[in-house]
Amino acid sequence: MDINKSEFIISAVKPAQYPNDNKREIAFVGRSNAGKSSLINAITNRRKLAKTSSTPGKTRLVNFFLINDILYFVDLPGYGYAKVSKSEKKNWGKVIETYLVNREQLKKVVLLVDCRHKPTNDDVIMYDWIKYYNYEPVVVATKSDKVSNNQLFKNMKLIRQTLGMEKHEKILPFSALNKKGKEEILEVIFDEE
């Protein structure tokens, strides 16, 4: 499916602010510097739809983007950013958990991991959470343009092992720079359409 229309709807702190039109939602989660906003911008063909920053931890709210008037992309706060206070980290964790655990409209969770690094404990916890709540895990290995094809292959194997992924589960390599992997991601995201 092509994305012909995308618009920012709201940045929410609490569930009362979430859209209440019962459209399907696809959430994007990952470390603060995994590239969630860049991925959303790349697959929607909008350079500034989701705010990006060279400073990790920019996304602090639950951001809803209406896609083709039929579903929402939901950009969640990144986790694992070291340069914020413990109380702020705890608050982000509550915001993320409140959305993920209680949102009936949530149909898919896309976990972004930086393909240059071994997944962190936080990444493993998030992957396990996705499985525990019976969502099909969609793992995207971002920043694939920053490593050689040989290194990407090795790193994707490491990601699969670290997360404990099953053989049939896919890891989709992606580059926001050249949009390599965009079509595969859209196919997986919209496979229920």
Protein backbone atom coordinates (compact mmCIF):
# COMPACT_ATOMS: atom_id res chain seq x y z
CA MET A 1 0.00 0.00 0.00
CA ASP A 2 1.20 3.50 -0.79
CA ILE A 3 0.91 6.30 1.72
CA ASN A 4 -0.77 9.21 -0.05
CA LYS A 5 -1.83 11.22 2.97
CA SER A 6 -0.28 11.65 6.39
CA GLU A 7 -0.91 14.25 9.03
CA PHE A 8 0.09 14.93 12.61
CA ILE A 9 -2.94 14.72 14.92
CA ILE A 10 -1.84 15.08 18.56
CA SER A 11 0.96 14.69 21.08
CA ALA A 12 -0.65 13.00 24.08
CA VAL A 13 0.48 12.61 27.67
CA LYS A 14 -2.48 10.60 28.93
CA PRO A 15 -5.10 8.24 27.45
CA ALA A 16 -7.86 10.86 27.58
CA GLN A 17 -5.96 12.73 24.86
CA TYR A 18 -5.63 9.75 22.50
CA PRO A 19 -7.83 9.75 19.35
CA ASN A 20 -11.12 7.98 20.04
CA ASP A 21 -12.26 7.06 16.52
CA ASN A 22 -11.28 3.36 16.84
CA LYS A 23 -8.94 3.33 13.85
CA ARG A 24 -6.16 0.71 13.86
CA GLU A 25 -2.84 1.81 15.34
CA ILE A 26 0.72 0.74 14.63
CA ALA A 27 3.24 1.74 17.30
CA PHE A 28 6.93 2.41 16.74
CA VAL A 29 9.22 1.73 19.70
CA GLY A 30 12.96 1.70 20.26
CA ARG A 31 15.91 3.35 21.94
CA SER A 32 16.07 7.12 21.88
CA ASN A 33 18.49 7.16 18.96
CA ALA A 34 17.11 4.20 16.97
CA GLY A 35 15.54 6.41 14.29
CA LYS A 36 11.77 6.12 14.88
CA SER A 37 10.95 9.62 13.65
CA SER A 38 13.29 9.27 10.66
CA LEU A 39 11.62 5.98 9.69
CA ILE A 40 8.13 7.49 9.95
CA ASN A 41 9.22 10.44 7.79
CA ALA A 42 10.83 8.16 5.19
CA ILE A 43 7.92 5.76 4.77
CA THR A 44 5.37 8.61 4.60
CA ASN A 45 7.55 10.62 2.17
CA ARG A 46 7.33 13.60 4.50
CA ARG A 47 10.61 15.13 5.63
CA LYS A 48 9.22 16.87 8.70
CA LEU A 49 6.10 14.94 9.69
CA ALA A 50 7.72 13.48 12.81
CA LYS A 51 10.22 15.74 14.53
CA THR A 52 13.80 14.50 14.37
CA SER A 53 16.80 15.75 16.29
CA SER A 54 20.50 15.11 16.61
CA THR A 55 19.82 15.00 20.35
CA PRO A 56 18.41 11.62 21.45
CA GLY A 57 15.29 11.64 23.60
CA LYS A 58 13.42 14.33 21.65
CA THR A 59 10.16 12.38 21.54
CA ARG A 60 8.69 12.60 25.03
CA LEU A 61 5.00 12.22 24.29
CA VAL A 62 2.82 9.73 22.42
CA ASN A 63 2.56 11.22 18.92
CA PHE A 64 -0.31 10.18 16.64
CA PHE A 65 -0.11 10.51 12.84
CA LEU A 66 -3.18 9.74 10.71
CA ILE A 67 -2.21 7.71 7.64
CA ASN A 68 -4.44 7.61 4.52
CA ASP A 69 -7.39 8.46 6.80
CA ILE A 70 -7.56 4.78 7.82
CA LEU A 71 -5.02 4.17 10.61
CA TYR A 72 -2.54 5.81 12.94
CA PHE A 73 1.20 5.56 13.22
CA VAL A 74 2.10 6.10 16.87
CA ASP A 75 5.58 7.37 17.70
CA LEU A 76 6.37 6.48 21.31
CA PRO A 77 9.07 8.05 23.50
CA GLY A 78 12.45 6.40 23.10
CA TYR A 79 13.89 4.45 25.99
CA GLY A 80 17.42 4.04 27.30
CA TYR A 81 18.60 7.64 26.96
CA ALA A 82 21.24 8.16 29.67
CA LYS A 83 21.27 11.97 29.90
CA VAL A 84 17.89 12.43 31.57
CA SER A 85 16.99 12.17 35.22
CA LYS A 86 15.76 8.91 36.74
CA SER A 87 12.38 10.47 37.45
CA GLU A 88 12.03 11.56 33.80
CA LYS A 89 13.01 8.07 32.59
CA LYS A 90 10.44 6.59 34.95
CA ASN A 91 7.80 8.99 33.63
CA TRP A 92 8.59 8.06 29.99
CA GLY A 93 8.33 4.39 30.97
CA LYS A 94 4.86 4.99 32.42
CA VAL A 95 3.74 6.87 29.30
CA ILE A 96 4.95 4.02 27.06
CA GLU A 97 3.51 1.27 29.25
CA THR A 98 0.14 2.99 29.67
CA TYR A 99 -0.25 3.20 25.91
CA LEU A 100 1.02 -0.30 25.06
CA VAL A 101 -0.87 -2.23 27.73
CA ASN A 102 -4.26 -0.54 27.53
CA ARG A 103 -4.76 0.42 23.89
CA GLU A 104 -7.30 -1.83 22.16
CA GLN A 105 -6.73 -0.14 18.78
CA LEU A 106 -3.07 -1.19 18.82
CA LYS A 107 -2.61 -3.92 16.21
CA LYS A 108 1.14 -4.05 15.61
CA VAL A 109 4.33 -2.96 17.37
CA VAL A 110 7.40 -2.15 15.28
CA LEU A 111 10.63 -2.46 17.28
CA LEU A 112 13.53 -0.44 15.89
CA VAL A 113 17.09 -1.44 16.72
CA ASP A 114 20.26 0.22 15.46
CA CYS A 115 21.89 -2.37 13.19
CA ARG A 116 25.38 -1.20 14.21
CA HIS A 117 25.01 -2.39 17.81
CA LYS A 118 23.97 -5.44 19.78
CA PRO A 119 20.44 -4.96 21.17
CA THR A 120 20.39 -3.66 24.74
CA ASN A 121 18.61 -5.19 27.73
CA ASP A 122 15.84 -2.62 27.15
CA ASP A 123 15.47 -3.86 23.55
CA VAL A 124 15.22 -7.47 24.76
CA ILE A 125 12.61 -6.49 27.37
CA MET A 126 10.57 -4.66 24.72
CA TYR A 127 10.78 -7.59 22.31
CA ASP A 128 9.69 -9.99 25.09
CA TRP A 129 6.81 -7.64 25.94
CA ILE A 130 5.66 -7.62 22.30
CA LYS A 131 5.63 -11.43 22.30
CA TYR A 132 4.01 -11.69 25.74
CA TYR A 133 1.05 -9.60 24.62
CA ASN A 134 0.67 -11.67 21.45
CA TYR A 135 1.67 -9.06 18.92
CA GLU A 136 3.51 -10.24 15.85
CA PRO A 137 7.03 -8.88 16.33
CA VAL A 138 8.18 -6.58 13.53
CA VAL A 139 11.88 -5.83 14.01
CA VAL A 140 13.48 -3.13 11.88
CA ALA A 141 17.29 -2.84 11.82
CA THR A 142 17.84 0.87 11.20
CA LYS A 143 20.86 2.76 9.83
CA SER A 144 21.73 -0.06 7.43
CA ASP A 145 23.54 2.41 5.16
CA LYS A 146 26.19 2.90 7.86
CA VAL A 147 27.63 -0.64 7.60
CA SER A 148 28.83 -2.89 4.78
CA ASN A 149 26.53 -5.63 3.49
CA ASN A 150 28.79 -8.24 5.11
CA GLN A 151 28.67 -6.44 8.47
CA LEU A 152 24.90 -5.96 8.16
CA PHE A 153 24.44 -9.72 7.65
CA LYS A 154 26.55 -10.48 10.75
CA ASN A 155 24.81 -7.84 12.85
CA MET A 156 21.34 -9.02 11.86
CA LYS A 157 22.31 -12.52 12.99
CA LEU A 158 23.48 -11.02 16.32
CA ILE A 159 20.20 -9.08 16.68
CA ARG A 160 18.20 -12.26 16.01
CA GLN A 161 20.21 -14.23 18.60
CA THR A 162 20.16 -11.49 21.25
CA LEU A 163 16.41 -10.96 21.00
CA GLY A 164 15.74 -14.72 20.86
CA MET A 165 13.79 -14.42 17.61
CA GLU A 166 12.20 -17.46 16.02
CA LYS A 167 13.30 -18.52 12.53
CA HIS A 168 10.07 -17.40 10.83
CA GLU A 169 10.25 -13.91 12.34
CA LYS A 170 11.73 -11.28 10.06
CA ILE A 171 14.28 -8.57 10.65
CA LEU A 172 13.88 -5.83 8.08
CA PRO A 173 17.00 -3.77 7.34
CA PHE A 174 16.25 -0.09 6.70
CA SER A 175 18.02 3.12 5.81
CA ALA A 176 16.27 6.47 6.26
CA LEU A 177 19.02 8.01 4.14
CA ASN A 178 18.33 6.07 0.93
CA LYS A 179 14.97 4.54 1.95
CA LYS A 180 16.28 1.02 1.27
CA GLY A 181 13.84 -1.40 2.90
CA LYS A 182 10.88 0.99 2.76
CA GLU A 183 8.71 -1.22 0.53
CA GLU A 184 9.28 -4.30 2.70
CA ILE A 185 8.34 -2.37 5.83
CA LEU A 186 5.16 -1.00 4.25
CA GLU A 187 4.21 -4.50 3.10
CA VAL A 188 4.56 -5.89 6.63
CA ILE A 189 2.78 -2.93 8.23
CA PHE A 190 -0.18 -3.07 5.88
CA ASP A 191 -0.47 -6.85 5.55
CA GLU A 192 -3.86 -6.79 7.30
CA GLU A 193 -5.37 -4.34 4.83
